[in-house]
N, C-alpha and C. Protein backbone atom coordinates (compact mmCIF):
# COMPACT_ATOMS: atom_id res chain seq x y z
N MET A 1 0.92 -1.39 -0.59
CA MET A 1 0.30 0.38 0.22
C MET A 1 0.95 1.32 0.05
N ARG A 2 0.17 2.51 -1.21
CA ARG A 2 1.05 3.18 -0.87
C ARG A 2 1.02 4.07 0.38
N ALA A 3 2.04 5.11 0.67
CA ALA A 3 2.16 5.58 1.58
C ALA A 3 1.03 6.86 1.74
N GLU A 4 0.49 6.99 0.60
CA GLU A 4 -0.67 8.60 0.46
C GLU A 4 -1.59 7.54 0.97
N ASP A 5 -2.00 6.70 0.24
CA ASP A 5 -3.06 6.26 0.78
C ASP A 5 -3.45 5.51 2.39
N ARG A 6 -2.34 5.36 3.02
CA ARG A 6 -2.44 4.95 4.06
C ARG A 6 -2.66 5.97 4.59
N ILE A 7 -1.90 7.21 4.53
CA ILE A 7 -2.24 8.25 5.21
C ILE A 7 -4.28 8.92 4.62
N ARG A 8 -4.34 8.44 3.62
CA ARG A 8 -6.02 8.82 3.34
C ARG A 8 -6.47 7.90 4.24
N ARG A 9 -6.63 6.72 4.40
CA ARG A 9 -7.16 5.74 5.09
C ARG A 9 -7.05 6.46 6.19
N ALA A 10 -5.94 6.59 7.35
CA ALA A 10 -6.03 6.92 8.64
C ALA A 10 -6.89 8.62 8.84
N GLU A 11 -7.13 9.35 8.23
CA GLU A 11 -7.95 10.56 7.71
C GLU A 11 -8.95 10.02 7.82
N THR A 12 -9.37 8.92 7.06
CA THR A 12 -10.80 8.60 7.23
C THR A 12 -11.54 7.79 8.52
N ALA A 13 -10.63 7.69 8.89
CA ALA A 13 -11.17 6.62 10.16
C ALA A 13 -10.96 7.30 11.40
N ALA A 14 -10.33 8.35 11.12
CA ALA A 14 -10.17 9.62 12.69
C ALA A 14 -11.67 10.17 11.98
N TYR A 15 -11.76 10.47 10.87
CA TYR A 15 -13.18 11.82 10.75
C TYR A 15 -14.26 10.87 11.66
N LEU A 16 -14.24 9.63 10.84
CA LEU A 16 -15.73 8.75 10.76
C LEU A 16 -16.23 8.10 12.89
N ALA A 17 -14.72 8.94 13.11
CA ALA A 17 -14.72 8.40 14.60
C ALA A 17 -14.77 9.71 14.74
N ALA A 18 -14.65 10.44 14.56
CA ALA A 18 -15.09 12.13 14.90
C ALA A 18 -16.80 12.55 15.14
N LEU A 19 -17.28 11.69 13.85
CA LEU A 19 -18.56 11.77 13.34
C LEU A 19 -18.66 10.94 14.50
N ARG A 20 -18.55 9.23 14.38
CA ARG A 20 -19.53 8.91 15.49
C ARG A 20 -19.28 9.52 16.52
N ARG A 21 -18.73 10.20 17.17
CA ARG A 21 -18.41 11.08 18.70
C ARG A 21 -19.62 11.73 19.01
N GLU A 22 -19.86 12.57 17.57
CA GLU A 22 -20.75 14.14 17.75
C GLU A 22 -22.27 13.52 17.77
N PHE A 23 -22.13 12.42 16.43
CA PHE A 23 -23.88 11.80 16.63
C PHE A 23 -23.86 10.63 17.30
N PRO A 24 -23.86 10.35 18.15
CA PRO A 24 -23.77 8.70 19.07
C PRO A 24 -25.13 8.43 18.84
N ALA A 25 -25.95 9.34 18.65
CA ALA A 25 -27.47 7.95 18.23
C ALA A 25 -27.49 7.72 16.73
N PHE A 26 -26.39 7.66 16.29
CA PHE A 26 -26.38 7.40 14.49
C PHE A 26 -25.43 6.00 14.87
N GLY A 27 -26.10 5.37 12.83
CA GLY A 27 -24.99 4.46 12.82
C GLY A 27 -24.35 4.82 12.00
N ILE A 28 -23.30 5.29 11.42
CA ILE A 28 -22.59 6.24 10.81
C ILE A 28 -21.52 4.67 9.70
N VAL A 29 -21.83 4.87 8.25
CA VAL A 29 -20.26 3.77 8.29
C VAL A 29 -19.68 5.33 6.69
N ALA A 30 -18.96 4.86 6.73
CA ALA A 30 -18.07 5.12 4.95
C ALA A 30 -17.15 4.11 4.40
N ASP A 31 -17.43 4.34 3.06
CA ASP A 31 -16.99 3.70 2.28
C ASP A 31 -16.17 4.76 0.99
N PRO A 32 -14.78 5.37 1.74
CA PRO A 32 -14.17 6.45 0.56
C PRO A 32 -14.11 5.98 -0.66
N GLU A 33 -13.96 4.16 -0.94
CA GLU A 33 -12.95 4.51 -2.03
C GLU A 33 -14.56 4.48 -3.23
N ARG A 34 -15.15 4.78 -2.93
CA ARG A 34 -16.53 4.66 -3.88
C ARG A 34 -17.44 6.03 -4.46
N PRO A 35 -17.01 7.53 -4.03
CA PRO A 35 -17.36 7.57 -2.43
C PRO A 35 -18.36 7.42 -1.45
N ILE A 36 -19.24 6.65 -0.62
CA ILE A 36 -20.15 6.95 -0.01
C ILE A 36 -20.16 6.97 1.48
N TRP A 37 -20.73 7.86 2.34
CA TRP A 37 -20.94 7.91 3.74
C TRP A 37 -22.24 8.49 3.95
N MET A 38 -22.70 7.43 4.73
CA MET A 38 -24.13 7.03 5.27
C MET A 38 -24.77 7.13 7.17
N ALA A 39 -25.85 7.61 7.15
CA ALA A 39 -26.05 7.86 8.79
C ALA A 39 -27.07 7.35 8.73
N VAL A 40 -27.41 6.64 9.98
CA VAL A 40 -28.70 6.15 9.61
C VAL A 40 -29.51 6.10 11.56
N ARG A 41 -30.43 6.18 11.36
CA ARG A 41 -31.08 6.59 12.95
C ARG A 41 -32.37 5.83 12.72
N GLY A 42 -32.43 4.73 13.51
CA GLY A 42 -33.81 4.23 13.41
C GLY A 42 -34.32 3.63 11.61
N ASP A 43 -35.54 3.48 11.27
CA ASP A 43 -35.80 3.44 10.68
C ASP A 43 -36.63 4.77 9.58
N ASP A 44 -36.56 5.90 10.48
CA ASP A 44 -36.76 7.00 9.60
C ASP A 44 -35.77 7.89 9.02
N VAL A 45 -34.84 7.62 9.67
CA VAL A 45 -33.56 8.49 8.54
C VAL A 45 -32.52 7.99 8.22
N PHE A 46 -32.36 8.45 6.89
CA PHE A 46 -31.34 7.33 6.55
C PHE A 46 -30.63 8.54 5.36
N ILE A 47 -29.31 9.22 5.68
CA ILE A 47 -28.68 10.41 5.02
C ILE A 47 -27.61 9.26 4.49
N ARG A 48 -27.27 10.19 3.14
CA ARG A 48 -26.16 9.26 1.68
C ARG A 48 -25.32 10.60 1.75
N ALA A 49 -24.35 10.69 1.87
CA ALA A 49 -23.15 12.15 0.99
C ALA A 49 -22.52 11.09 0.41
N THR A 50 -21.58 12.02 -0.20
CA THR A 50 -20.43 11.91 -0.64
C THR A 50 -18.80 11.76 0.09
N ASP A 51 -18.90 12.79 0.75
CA ASP A 51 -18.09 12.85 2.10
C ASP A 51 -18.57 13.14 3.65
N GLY A 52 -17.53 13.33 4.15
CA GLY A 52 -17.47 12.73 5.80
C GLY A 52 -18.30 14.52 5.34
N HIS A 53 -17.89 15.61 5.24
CA HIS A 53 -17.87 16.45 5.23
C HIS A 53 -18.87 16.93 4.88
N VAL A 54 -19.91 16.47 3.72
CA VAL A 54 -21.21 16.56 3.53
C VAL A 54 -22.32 15.95 4.84
N LEU A 55 -21.70 14.93 4.80
CA LEU A 55 -22.52 14.07 6.24
C LEU A 55 -22.52 14.93 7.27
N ARG A 56 -21.71 15.74 7.94
CA ARG A 56 -21.07 15.86 8.85
C ARG A 56 -22.68 17.83 8.94
N ARG A 57 -22.38 18.13 7.59
CA ARG A 57 -23.04 19.68 7.47
C ARG A 57 -24.73 18.75 7.50
N ARG A 58 -25.44 17.92 6.68
CA ARG A 58 -26.48 17.50 6.69
C ARG A 58 -26.70 16.79 8.18
N LEU A 59 -26.04 16.87 8.45
CA LEU A 59 -26.60 15.86 10.32
C LEU A 59 -26.76 17.36 10.81
N LEU A 60 -25.73 18.19 10.97
CA LEU A 60 -25.97 19.92 11.73
C LEU A 60 -27.25 20.34 11.35
N GLU A 61 -27.57 20.32 10.05
CA GLU A 61 -28.96 20.60 9.51
C GLU A 61 -29.69 19.45 9.87
N LEU A 62 -29.99 18.91 10.18
CA LEU A 62 -31.33 17.51 11.08
C LEU A 62 -31.51 17.99 12.14
N ALA A 63 -30.35 18.40 12.46
CA ALA A 63 -30.08 18.31 14.58
C ALA A 63 -30.90 20.27 14.74
N ASN A 64 -30.73 21.10 13.84
CA ASN A 64 -30.72 22.33 13.97
C ASN A 64 -29.95 23.09 14.55
N ARG A 65 -28.44 22.61 14.15
CA ARG A 65 -27.37 23.57 14.88
C ARG A 65 -26.56 24.32 13.63
């Protein structure tokens, strides 16, 4: 694995962990290779985004923050 791929994976993992801490009521998963980031809460909320920053913005909008 190339060094830049390792860095990108580490950055993705760190941002994913931060989102999970900030929004503990959501299940959050990411596949940055595709790129797909998703957040789910129960049966009523499903959010899909192209990157973690877009997902966070949508989660903040949902929380009215």
